[in-house]
Protein backbone atom coordinates (compact mmCIF):
# COMPACT_ATOMS: atom_id res chain seq x y z
CA MET A 1 0.00 0.00 0.00
CA ASN A 2 1.35 3.42 -0.94
CA GLU A 3 1.00 5.81 2.01
CA GLU A 4 1.00 9.51 1.25
CA ARG A 5 2.59 11.59 3.98
CA LYS A 6 0.92 14.92 4.60
CA VAL A 7 2.65 17.90 6.14
CA ALA A 8 0.90 20.71 8.01
CA GLY A 9 2.04 23.92 9.61
CA ILE A 10 0.48 25.61 12.61
CA TYR A 11 0.53 29.29 13.44
CA ILE A 12 -0.23 30.42 16.97
CA ARG A 13 -0.49 33.94 18.30
CA VAL A 14 -2.31 36.18 20.72
CA SER A 15 -3.08 39.82 20.02
CA THR A 16 -3.88 40.96 23.53
CA GLU A 17 -3.21 40.02 27.14
CA ASP A 18 -6.96 39.42 27.49
CA GLN A 19 -6.76 36.61 24.95
CA ALA A 20 -3.94 34.98 26.88
CA ARG A 21 -5.97 35.13 30.10
CA GLU A 22 -9.20 33.85 28.53
CA GLY A 23 -8.01 30.44 27.37
CA PHE A 24 -6.25 31.41 24.17
CA SER A 25 -2.66 31.34 25.42
CA LEU A 26 0.05 30.13 23.06
CA GLY A 27 0.40 26.85 24.94
CA GLU A 28 -3.34 26.15 24.91
CA GLN A 29 -3.57 26.90 21.20
CA LYS A 30 -0.63 24.61 20.46
CA GLU A 31 -2.15 21.72 22.43
CA LYS A 32 -5.51 22.06 20.68
CA LEU A 33 -3.93 22.22 17.23
CA LEU A 34 -1.65 19.24 17.86
CA GLN A 35 -4.68 17.17 18.88
CA LEU A 36 -6.09 17.75 15.40
CA CYS A 37 -2.98 16.42 13.65
């Protein structure tokens, strides 16, 4: 069977300190995105 390897990139950022406090910190974003891969 020929398996095709797929590559993805993720981009994480916060614009404001409020976003970081409200569950959108860089670490939380990274964890959520890695779960999708």
